[in-house]
Amino acid sequence: MSYRTIVLQLVDDEGNAARLRAALALAQRFGARLIAVHVTPPPIVPVGYGEGAAYVGPEIIEAQREAAKAVAERLEATFRSVCEPGSGAVWRHLEGDPGERLAQSARTADLTIGPRFEARGLDSLVLQPIEQTALSAGGPVLLVPAEGFAADLGRKVVVGWNGRKEAARAVKDALPLLAAAIEVEVVAIGAEAGETLEDAVAMLERHGVAARGYRVAEEADAGGQLLARMGEIGADLLVMGIYSHARLRQLVLGGATRHVLQHAQGAVLFSC
């Protein structure tokens, strides 16, 4: 198994070029096609009260379209400067809901990459497009720091293991990265997870992954314990399943998932 198609979400910020260069290097490392995706959202219609609330002047819509066009042109220029002809990378500009359109692209890719931004207050309760994608991509989604990531990402890896299907899917989706790692630690949190830890490590070893197991007895604050373990061994990647509450799947994430999204310093590969 390897990654043959990698999708990168382009975002108009200072770290965009660095992430693009790293994603291109990662794609070349796996012999993959890199598809750089920028999604232009529809114009925002102001909501208000009173007699004039239903009317939005065409100049407001046009101004938003011009701003969106400028962003797309800026991102494409960056893409062209980083991904020279012959690199095999593809520029793709889409329109629509960013979360939905990015997820559509992710479903025909082996790996999707996007930046993780620190959210505060009420913003932390709203899923970013790349987080929405992680819930519906049907494959692994790699969230990387906003400032970028190293091309040799995955030298030391912590794998969060609880024996559930999301964790199992994450481990299997991460195999191309795990096989190239110099150190992989599978962290089982809680007694139930510990029962299948040895089998998980053995499965990885049969794939040529030099893995070891690590047990944590206390199940509370699983996300915090995983991040702490990353710091202790100097890991640059965390692999884990993403969890959400079924009835509000697109809005509310599980506690460990939310904690990791808010506090991770390195990259995190999610699967569900």
C-alpha atoms as a PDB file:
ATOM      1  CA  MET A   1       0.000   0.000   0.000  1.00  0.00           C
ATOM      2  CA  SER A   2       1.148   3.529  -0.765  1.00  0.00           C
ATOM      3  CA  TYR A   3      -0.251   6.985  -1.310  1.00  0.00           C
ATOM      4  CA  ARG A   4      -0.685   7.611  -5.047  1.00  0.00           C
ATOM      5  CA  THR A   5      -2.976  10.640  -4.926  1.00  0.00           C
ATOM      6  CA  ILE A   6      -2.545  13.389  -2.339  1.00  0.00           C
ATOM      7  CA  VAL A   7      -4.932  16.346  -2.024  1.00  0.00           C
ATOM      8  CA  LEU A   8      -3.737  19.546  -0.361  1.00  0.00           C
ATOM      9  CA  GLN A   9      -6.129  22.239   0.792  1.00  0.00           C
ATOM     10  CA  LEU A  10      -4.783  25.650  -0.178  1.00  0.00           C
ATOM     11  CA  VAL A  11      -5.424  28.469   2.289  1.00  0.00           C
ATOM     12  CA  ASP A  12      -4.604  32.139   1.761  1.00  0.00           C
ATOM     13  CA  ASP A  13      -2.176  32.694   4.620  1.00  0.00           C
ATOM     14  CA  GLU A  14       1.543  33.120   5.249  1.00  0.00           C
ATOM     15  CA  GLY A  15       2.151  29.389   5.641  1.00  0.00           C
ATOM     16  CA  ASN A  16       0.585  28.372   2.338  1.00  0.00           C
ATOM     17  CA  ALA A  17       3.800  28.255   0.296  1.00  0.00           C
ATOM     18  CA  ALA A  18       5.673  26.294   2.993  1.00  0.00           C
ATOM     19  CA  ARG A  19       2.883  23.730   3.237  1.00  0.00           C
ATOM     20  CA  LEU A  20       2.752  23.452  -0.542  1.00  0.00           C
ATOM     21  CA  ARG A  21       6.491  22.777  -0.786  1.00  0.00           C
ATOM     22  CA  ALA A  22       6.290  20.155   1.979  1.00  0.00           C
ATOM     23  CA  ALA A  23       3.255  18.477   0.408  1.00  0.00           C
ATOM     24  CA  LEU A  24       5.004  18.353  -2.962  1.00  0.00           C
ATOM     25  CA  ALA A  25       8.063  16.758  -1.350  1.00  0.00           C
ATOM     26  CA  LEU A  26       5.819  14.244   0.422  1.00  0.00           C
ATOM     27  CA  ALA A  27       4.069  13.400  -2.848  1.00  0.00           C
ATOM     28  CA  GLN A  28       7.400  12.895  -4.594  1.00  0.00           C
ATOM     29  CA  ARG A  29       8.539  10.693  -1.709  1.00  0.00           C
ATOM     30  CA  PHE A  30       5.621   8.334  -2.358  1.00  0.00           C
ATOM     31  CA  GLY A  31       5.549   8.725  -6.135  1.00  0.00           C
ATOM     32  CA  ALA A  32       2.117  10.348  -5.802  1.00  0.00           C
ATOM     33  CA  ARG A  33       0.180  12.928  -7.785  1.00  0.00           C
ATOM     34  CA  LEU A  34      -0.364  16.113  -5.773  1.00  0.00           C
ATOM     35  CA  ILE A  35      -3.661  17.905  -6.340  1.00  0.00           C
ATOM     36  CA  ALA A  36      -3.726  21.390  -4.804  1.00  0.00           C
ATOM     37  CA  VAL A  37      -7.334  22.423  -4.167  1.00  0.00           C
ATOM     38  CA  HIS A  38      -8.723  25.886  -3.521  1.00  0.00           C
ATOM     39  CA  VAL A  39     -12.451  26.273  -2.911  1.00  0.00           C
ATOM     40  CA  THR A  40     -14.178  29.625  -3.365  1.00  0.00           C
ATOM     41  CA  PRO A  41     -17.250  29.823  -1.119  1.00  0.00           C
ATOM     42  CA  PRO A  42     -20.469  31.430  -2.335  1.00  0.00           C
ATOM     43  CA  PRO A  43     -21.007  35.142  -1.545  1.00  0.00           C
ATOM     44  CA  ILE A  44     -22.237  35.858   1.961  1.00  0.00           C
ATOM     45  CA  VAL A  45     -25.654  37.499   2.093  1.00  0.00           C
ATOM     46  CA  PRO A  46     -25.970  39.742   5.181  1.00  0.00           C
ATOM     47  CA  VAL A  47     -28.772  38.856   7.564  1.00  0.00           C
ATOM     48  CA  GLY A  48     -30.650  41.655   9.310  1.00  0.00           C
ATOM     49  CA  TYR A  49     -33.996  42.996  10.345  1.00  0.00           C
ATOM     50  CA  GLY A  50     -36.261  45.684   9.011  1.00  0.00           C
ATOM     51  CA  GLU A  51     -37.696  46.552   5.662  1.00  0.00           C
ATOM     52  CA  GLY A  52     -34.343  46.588   3.864  1.00  0.00           C
ATOM     53  CA  ALA A  53     -33.083  43.313   5.252  1.00  0.00           C
ATOM     54  CA  ALA A  54     -34.192  41.281   2.225  1.00  0.00           C
ATOM     55  CA  TYR A  55     -32.373  43.504  -0.253  1.00  0.00           C
ATOM     56  CA  VAL A  56     -28.661  43.114  -0.902  1.00  0.00           C
ATOM     57  CA  GLY A  57     -27.215  45.510  -3.427  1.00  0.00           C
ATOM     58  CA  PRO A  58     -25.386  43.945  -6.384  1.00  0.00           C
ATOM     59  CA  GLU A  59     -22.276  45.932  -5.484  1.00  0.00           C
ATOM     60  CA  ILE A  60     -21.903  43.905  -2.263  1.00  0.00           C
ATOM     61  CA  ILE A  61     -22.048  40.599  -4.107  1.00  0.00           C
ATOM     62  CA  GLU A  62     -19.709  41.878  -6.813  1.00  0.00           C
ATOM     63  CA  ALA A  63     -17.179  43.091  -4.247  1.00  0.00           C
ATOM     64  CA  GLN A  64     -17.086  39.645  -2.660  1.00  0.00           C
ATOM     65  CA  ARG A  65     -16.623  38.008  -6.047  1.00  0.00           C
ATOM     66  CA  GLU A  66     -13.747  40.321  -6.916  1.00  0.00           C
ATOM     67  CA  ALA A  67     -12.082  39.606  -3.574  1.00  0.00           C
ATOM     68  CA  ALA A  68     -12.520  35.861  -4.090  1.00  0.00           C
ATOM     69  CA  LYS A  69     -11.068  36.151  -7.588  1.00  0.00           C
ATOM     70  CA  ALA A  70      -8.015  37.954  -6.220  1.00  0.00           C
ATOM     71  CA  VAL A  71      -7.478  35.216  -3.630  1.00  0.00           C
ATOM     72  CA  ALA A  72      -7.736  32.471  -6.252  1.00  0.00           C
ATOM     73  CA  GLU A  73      -5.267  34.266  -8.524  1.00  0.00           C
ATOM     74  CA  ARG A  74      -2.840  34.761  -5.644  1.00  0.00           C
ATOM     75  CA  LEU A  75      -3.013  31.101  -4.659  1.00  0.00           C
ATOM     76  CA  GLU A  76      -2.592  29.929  -8.241  1.00  0.00           C
ATOM     77  CA  ALA A  77       0.460  32.171  -8.634  1.00  0.00           C
ATOM     78  CA  THR A  78       1.990  30.609  -5.512  1.00  0.00           C
ATOM     79  CA  PHE A  79       1.188  27.149  -6.832  1.00  0.00           C
ATOM     80  CA  ARG A  80       2.875  27.915 -10.173  1.00  0.00           C
ATOM     81  CA  SER A  81       5.975  29.277  -8.431  1.00  0.00           C
ATOM     82  CA  VAL A  82       6.372  26.223  -6.164  1.00  0.00           C
ATOM     83  CA  CYS A  83       5.185  23.437  -8.469  1.00  0.00           C
ATOM     84  CA  GLU A  84       7.153  23.805 -11.655  1.00  0.00           C
ATOM     85  CA  PRO A  85       6.088  22.125 -14.911  1.00  0.00           C
ATOM     86  CA  GLY A  86       7.041  18.485 -14.758  1.00  0.00           C
ATOM     87  CA  SER A  87       6.447  18.203 -11.007  1.00  0.00           C
ATOM     88  CA  GLY A  88       3.231  16.299 -11.664  1.00  0.00           C
ATOM     89  CA  ALA A  89       1.229  18.594  -9.392  1.00  0.00           C
ATOM     90  CA  VAL A  90      -2.234  19.767 -10.424  1.00  0.00           C
ATOM     91  CA  TRP A  91      -4.003  23.062  -9.635  1.00  0.00           C
ATOM     92  CA  ARG A  92      -7.736  22.739  -9.015  1.00  0.00           C
ATOM     93  CA  HIS A  93     -10.114  25.644  -8.343  1.00  0.00           C
ATOM     94  CA  LEU A  94     -13.613  24.748  -7.163  1.00  0.00           C
ATOM     95  CA  GLU A  95     -16.649  26.738  -6.068  1.00  0.00           C
ATOM     96  CA  GLY A  96     -19.221  25.909  -3.399  1.00  0.00           C
ATOM     97  CA  ASP A  97     -19.237  24.954   0.260  1.00  0.00           C
ATOM     98  CA  PRO A  98     -15.539  24.475   1.159  1.00  0.00           C
ATOM     99  CA  GLY A  99     -16.131  21.528   3.491  1.00  0.00           C
ATOM    100  CA  GLU A 100     -18.315  19.646   1.026  1.00  0.00           C
ATOM    101  CA  ARG A 101     -16.181  20.308  -2.041  1.00  0.00           C
ATOM    102  CA  LEU A 102     -12.949  19.432  -0.240  1.00  0.00           C
ATOM    103  CA  ALA A 103     -14.516  16.185   1.004  1.00  0.00           C
ATOM    104  CA  GLN A 104     -15.539  15.310  -2.556  1.00  0.00           C
ATOM    105  CA  SER A 105     -11.930  15.681  -3.674  1.00  0.00           C
ATOM    106  CA  ALA A 106     -10.720  13.681  -0.670  1.00  0.00           C
ATOM    107  CA  ARG A 107     -12.872  10.684  -1.563  1.00  0.00           C
ATOM    108  CA  THR A 108     -10.818  10.017  -4.683  1.00  0.00           C
ATOM    109  CA  ALA A 109      -7.481  10.582  -2.940  1.00  0.00           C
ATOM    110  CA  ASP A 110      -5.344   8.334  -0.752  1.00  0.00           C
ATOM    111  CA  LEU A 111      -4.407  11.152   1.624  1.00  0.00           C
ATOM    112  CA  THR A 112      -5.745  14.662   2.196  1.00  0.00           C
ATOM    113  CA  ILE A 113      -3.692  17.399   3.853  1.00  0.00           C
ATOM    114  CA  GLY A 114      -4.884  20.650   5.386  1.00  0.00           C
ATOM    115  CA  PRO A 115      -3.715  23.209   7.946  1.00  0.00           C
ATOM    116  CA  ARG A 116      -4.862  23.219  11.545  1.00  0.00           C
ATOM    117  CA  PHE A 117      -5.509  26.663  12.982  1.00  0.00           C
ATOM    118  CA  GLU A 118      -5.858  27.517  16.640  1.00  0.00           C
ATOM    119  CA  ALA A 119      -9.469  28.456  17.371  1.00  0.00           C
ATOM    120  CA  ARG A 120     -10.633  30.349  20.434  1.00  0.00           C
ATOM    121  CA  GLY A 121     -13.980  30.878  22.119  1.00  0.00           C
ATOM    122  CA  LEU A 122     -17.065  30.005  20.130  1.00  0.00           C
ATOM    123  CA  ASP A 123     -14.936  29.523  16.986  1.00  0.00           C
ATOM    124  CA  SER A 124     -13.530  26.360  18.544  1.00  0.00           C
ATOM    125  CA  LEU A 125     -17.012  24.811  18.377  1.00  0.00           C
ATOM    126  CA  VAL A 126     -17.327  25.314  14.619  1.00  0.00           C
ATOM    127  CA  LEU A 127     -15.646  22.766  12.384  1.00  0.00           C
ATOM    128  CA  GLN A 128     -13.190  24.076   9.828  1.00  0.00           C
ATOM    129  CA  PRO A 129     -13.496  22.719   6.239  1.00  0.00           C
ATOM    130  CA  ILE A 130     -10.582  20.323   6.743  1.00  0.00           C
ATOM    131  CA  GLU A 131     -12.186  19.043   9.959  1.00  0.00           C
ATOM    132  CA  GLN A 132     -15.481  18.507   8.144  1.00  0.00           C
ATOM    133  CA  THR A 133     -13.513  16.621   5.520  1.00  0.00           C
ATOM    134  CA  ALA A 134     -11.950  14.359   8.147  1.00  0.00           C
ATOM    135  CA  LEU A 135     -15.449  13.207   9.119  1.00  0.00           C
ATOM    136  CA  SER A 136     -16.575  12.359   5.593  1.00  0.00           C
ATOM    137  CA  ALA A 137     -13.506  11.797   3.423  1.00  0.00           C
ATOM    138  CA  GLY A 138     -13.592   8.008   3.553  1.00  0.00           C
ATOM    139  CA  GLY A 139      -9.835   8.027   4.050  1.00  0.00           C
ATOM    140  CA  PRO A 140      -7.022   9.592   6.071  1.00  0.00           C
ATOM    141  CA  VAL A 141      -6.799  13.336   6.622  1.00  0.00           C
ATOM    142  CA  LEU A 142      -3.514  14.832   7.769  1.00  0.00           C
ATOM    143  CA  LEU A 143      -3.812  18.070   9.727  1.00  0.00           C
ATOM    144  CA  VAL A 144      -0.522  19.936   9.816  1.00  0.00           C
ATOM    145  CA  PRO A 145       0.604  23.053  11.716  1.00  0.00           C
ATOM    146  CA  ALA A 146      -0.337  26.332  10.039  1.00  0.00           C
ATOM    147  CA  GLU A 147       3.330  27.241   9.599  1.00  0.00           C
ATOM    148  CA  GLY A 148       4.072  24.059   7.649  1.00  0.00           C
ATOM    149  CA  PHE A 149       5.708  20.703   8.247  1.00  0.00           C
ATOM    150  CA  ALA A 150       8.932  18.866   7.479  1.00  0.00           C
ATOM    151  CA  ALA A 151       9.213  16.888   4.254  1.00  0.00           C
ATOM    152  CA  ASP A 152      10.374  13.855   6.267  1.00  0.00           C
ATOM    153  CA  LEU A 153       7.230  13.944   8.408  1.00  0.00           C
ATOM    154  CA  GLY A 154       6.657  10.742  10.371  1.00  0.00           C
ATOM    155  CA  ARG A 155      10.125   9.970  11.704  1.00  0.00           C
ATOM    156  CA  LYS A 156       8.735   9.366  15.204  1.00  0.00           C
ATOM    157  CA  VAL A 157       5.066   8.477  15.519  1.00  0.00           C
ATOM    158  CA  VAL A 158       2.601   7.984  18.347  1.00  0.00           C
ATOM    159  CA  VAL A 159      -0.447   5.868  17.508  1.00  0.00           C
ATOM    160  CA  GLY A 160      -3.525   6.259  19.673  1.00  0.00           C
ATOM    161  CA  TRP A 161      -5.097   2.829  20.195  1.00  0.00           C
ATOM    162  CA  ASN A 162      -8.380   1.954  21.898  1.00  0.00           C
ATOM    163  CA  GLY A 163      -9.290  -1.160  19.930  1.00  0.00           C
ATOM    164  CA  ARG A 164     -12.226   0.488  18.131  1.00  0.00           C
ATOM    165  CA  LYS A 165     -12.820   0.565  14.387  1.00  0.00           C
ATOM    166  CA  GLU A 166     -11.790   4.222  14.028  1.00  0.00           C
ATOM    167  CA  ALA A 167      -8.394   3.529  15.580  1.00  0.00           C
ATOM    168  CA  ALA A 168      -7.949   0.391  13.470  1.00  0.00           C
ATOM    169  CA  ARG A 169      -8.791   2.346  10.325  1.00  0.00           C
ATOM    170  CA  ALA A 170      -6.308   5.078  11.256  1.00  0.00           C
ATOM    171  CA  VAL A 171      -3.486   2.588  11.787  1.00  0.00           C
ATOM    172  CA  LYS A 172      -4.095   0.951   8.409  1.00  0.00           C
ATOM    173  CA  ASP A 173      -4.450   4.300   6.627  1.00  0.00           C
ATOM    174  CA  ALA A 174      -1.142   5.444   8.111  1.00  0.00           C
ATOM    175  CA  LEU A 175       0.856   2.354   7.055  1.00  0.00           C
ATOM    176  CA  PRO A 176       2.846   4.117   4.290  1.00  0.00           C
ATOM    177  CA  LEU A 177       4.088   6.654   6.841  1.00  0.00           C
ATOM    178  CA  LEU A 178       4.547   4.126   9.632  1.00  0.00           C
ATOM    179  CA  ALA A 179       6.633   1.829   7.419  1.00  0.00           C
ATOM    180  CA  ALA A 180       9.163   4.630   6.897  1.00  0.00           C
ATOM    181  CA  ALA A 181       9.292   5.736  10.550  1.00  0.00           C
ATOM    182  CA  ILE A 182      12.333   5.143  12.731  1.00  0.00           C
ATOM    183  CA  GLU A 183      10.193   4.887  15.873  1.00  0.00           C
ATOM    184  CA  VAL A 184       6.517   3.981  16.325  1.00  0.00           C
ATOM    185  CA  GLU A 185       4.803   3.709  19.687  1.00  0.00           C
ATOM    186  CA  VAL A 186       1.268   2.355  19.974  1.00  0.00           C
ATOM    187  CA  VAL A 187      -0.330   3.904  23.050  1.00  0.00           C
ATOM    188  CA  ALA A 188      -3.238   1.975  24.585  1.00  0.00           C
ATOM    189  CA  ILE A 189      -5.286   4.029  27.022  1.00  0.00           C
ATOM    190  CA  GLY A 190      -7.417   2.017  29.425  1.00  0.00           C
ATOM    191  CA  ALA A 191      -7.674  -1.663  30.291  1.00  0.00           C
ATOM    192  CA  GLU A 192      -9.962  -2.550  27.388  1.00  0.00           C
ATOM    193  CA  ALA A 193      -7.543  -1.073  24.851  1.00  0.00           C
ATOM    194  CA  GLY A 194      -4.652  -2.895  26.482  1.00  0.00           C
ATOM    195  CA  GLU A 195      -6.262  -6.261  25.758  1.00  0.00           C
ATOM    196  CA  THR A 196      -5.623  -5.885  22.010  1.00  0.00           C
ATOM    197  CA  LEU A 197      -2.415  -3.859  22.178  1.00  0.00           C
ATOM    198  CA  GLU A 198      -0.083  -6.799  21.527  1.00  0.00           C
ATOM    199  CA  ASP A 199      -2.129  -7.840  18.495  1.00  0.00           C
ATOM    200  CA  ALA A 200      -1.985  -4.289  17.107  1.00  0.00           C
ATOM    201  CA  VAL A 201       1.791  -4.163  17.520  1.00  0.00           C
ATOM    202  CA  ALA A 202       2.163  -7.603  15.941  1.00  0.00           C
ATOM    203  CA  MET A 203       0.079  -6.541  12.939  1.00  0.00           C
ATOM    204  CA  LEU A 204       2.350  -3.546  12.387  1.00  0.00           C
ATOM    205  CA  GLU A 205       5.474  -5.687  12.727  1.00  0.00           C
ATOM    206  CA  ARG A 206       4.195  -7.985   9.979  1.00  0.00           C
ATOM    207  CA  HIS A 207       4.087  -4.895   7.770  1.00  0.00           C
ATOM    208  CA  GLY A 208       7.722  -4.179   8.553  1.00  0.00           C
ATOM    209  CA  VAL A 209       6.943  -1.456  11.111  1.00  0.00           C
ATOM    210  CA  ALA A 210       9.270  -1.406  14.108  1.00  0.00           C
ATOM    211  CA  ALA A 211       6.558  -0.727  16.690  1.00  0.00           C
ATOM    212  CA  ARG A 212       6.339  -1.047  20.441  1.00  0.00           C
ATOM    213  CA  GLY A 213       3.413  -0.911  22.842  1.00  0.00           C
ATOM    214  CA  TYR A 214       2.839   1.491  25.724  1.00  0.00           C
ATOM    215  CA  ARG A 215       0.021   1.145  28.250  1.00  0.00           C
ATOM    216  CA  VAL A 216      -1.751   3.953  30.093  1.00  0.00           C
ATOM    217  CA  ALA A 217      -4.098   2.745  32.821  1.00  0.00           C
ATOM    218  CA  GLU A 218      -6.143   5.916  33.269  1.00  0.00           C
ATOM    219  CA  GLU A 219      -8.704   6.571  30.520  1.00  0.00           C
ATOM    220  CA  ALA A 220      -9.455  10.184  31.488  1.00  0.00           C
ATOM    221  CA  ASP A 221      -8.074  12.957  29.258  1.00  0.00           C
ATOM    222  CA  ALA A 222      -7.055  10.583  26.459  1.00  0.00           C
ATOM    223  CA  GLY A 223      -6.246  13.442  24.113  1.00  0.00           C
ATOM    224  CA  GLY A 224      -4.012  15.145  26.635  1.00  0.00           C
ATOM    225  CA  GLN A 225      -2.189  11.911  27.413  1.00  0.00           C
ATOM    226  CA  LEU A 226      -1.500  11.239  23.730  1.00  0.00           C
ATOM    227  CA  LEU A 227      -0.092  14.726  23.222  1.00  0.00           C
ATOM    228  CA  ALA A 228       2.004  14.397  26.389  1.00  0.00           C
ATOM    229  CA  ARG A 229       3.448  11.138  25.119  1.00  0.00           C
ATOM    230  CA  MET A 230       4.312  12.812  21.806  1.00  0.00           C
ATOM    231  CA  GLY A 231       6.333  15.380  23.716  1.00  0.00           C
ATOM    232  CA  GLU A 232       8.077  12.767  25.838  1.00  0.00           C
ATOM    233  CA  ILE A 233       9.451  10.798  22.875  1.00  0.00           C
ATOM    234  CA  GLY A 234       9.817  13.761  20.490  1.00  0.00           C
ATOM    235  CA  ALA A 235       7.220  12.500  18.009  1.00  0.00           C
ATOM    236  CA  ASP A 236       6.305  14.667  15.011  1.00  0.00           C
ATOM    237  CA  LEU A 237       3.124  12.769  14.100  1.00  0.00           C
ATOM    238  CA  LEU A 238       0.092  11.452  15.955  1.00  0.00           C
ATOM    239  CA  VAL A 239      -2.158   8.832  14.351  1.00  0.00           C
ATOM    240  CA  MET A 240      -5.645   8.383  15.790  1.00  0.00           C
ATOM    241  CA  GLY A 241      -9.275   7.759  14.957  1.00  0.00           C
ATOM    242  CA  ILE A 242     -11.602  10.743  14.836  1.00  0.00           C
ATOM    243  CA  TYR A 243     -14.738  10.493  16.919  1.00  0.00           C
ATOM    244  CA  SER A 244     -17.988  12.461  16.841  1.00  0.00           C
ATOM    245  CA  HIS A 245     -21.406  12.293  18.416  1.00  0.00           C
ATOM    246  CA  ALA A 246     -23.669  10.500  15.950  1.00  0.00           C
ATOM    247  CA  ARG A 247     -26.744  12.739  16.175  1.00  0.00           C
ATOM    248  CA  LEU A 248     -24.710  15.912  15.644  1.00  0.00           C
ATOM    249  CA  ARG A 249     -21.982  14.383  13.525  1.00  0.00           C
ATOM    250  CA  GLN A 250     -21.081  17.535  11.638  1.00  0.00           C
ATOM    251  CA  LEU A 251     -21.081  19.758  14.722  1.00  0.00           C
ATOM    252  CA  VAL A 252     -19.830  18.020  17.845  1.00  0.00           C
ATOM    253  CA  LEU A 253     -16.591  16.038  18.095  1.00  0.00           C
ATOM    254  CA  GLY A 254     -15.602  13.667  20.863  1.00  0.00           C
ATOM    255  CA  GLY A 255     -13.599  15.039  23.772  1.00  0.00           C
ATOM    256  CA  ALA A 256     -10.239  13.478  22.869  1.00  0.00           C
ATOM    257  CA  THR A 257     -10.569  14.554  19.235  1.00  0.00           C
ATOM    258  CA  ARG A 258     -11.451  18.130  20.136  1.00  0.00           C
ATOM    259  CA  HIS A 259      -8.600  18.349  22.653  1.00  0.00           C
ATOM    260  CA  VAL A 260      -6.069  17.173  20.073  1.00  0.00           C
ATOM    261  CA  LEU A 261      -7.403  19.591  17.446  1.00  0.00           C
ATOM    262  CA  GLN A 262      -7.066  22.489  19.863  1.00  0.00           C
ATOM    263  CA  HIS A 263      -3.723  21.668  21.453  1.00  0.00           C
ATOM    264  CA  ALA A 264      -1.581  19.538  19.108  1.00  0.00           C
ATOM    265  CA  GLN A 265       1.771  21.075  18.222  1.00  0.00           C
ATOM    266  CA  GLY A 266       2.737  18.567  15.524  1.00  0.00           C
ATOM    267  CA  ALA A 267       0.843  16.886  12.707  1.00  0.00           C
ATOM    268  CA  VAL A 268      -2.125  14.572  13.282  1.00  0.00           C
ATOM    269  CA  LEU A 269      -3.429  11.904  10.910  1.00  0.00           C
ATOM    270  CA  PHE A 270      -7.138  11.262  11.473  1.00  0.00           C
ATOM    271  CA  SER A 271      -9.374   8.510  10.115  1.00  0.00           C
ATOM    272  CA  CYS A 272     -12.922   7.524  10.978  1.00  0.00           C
END
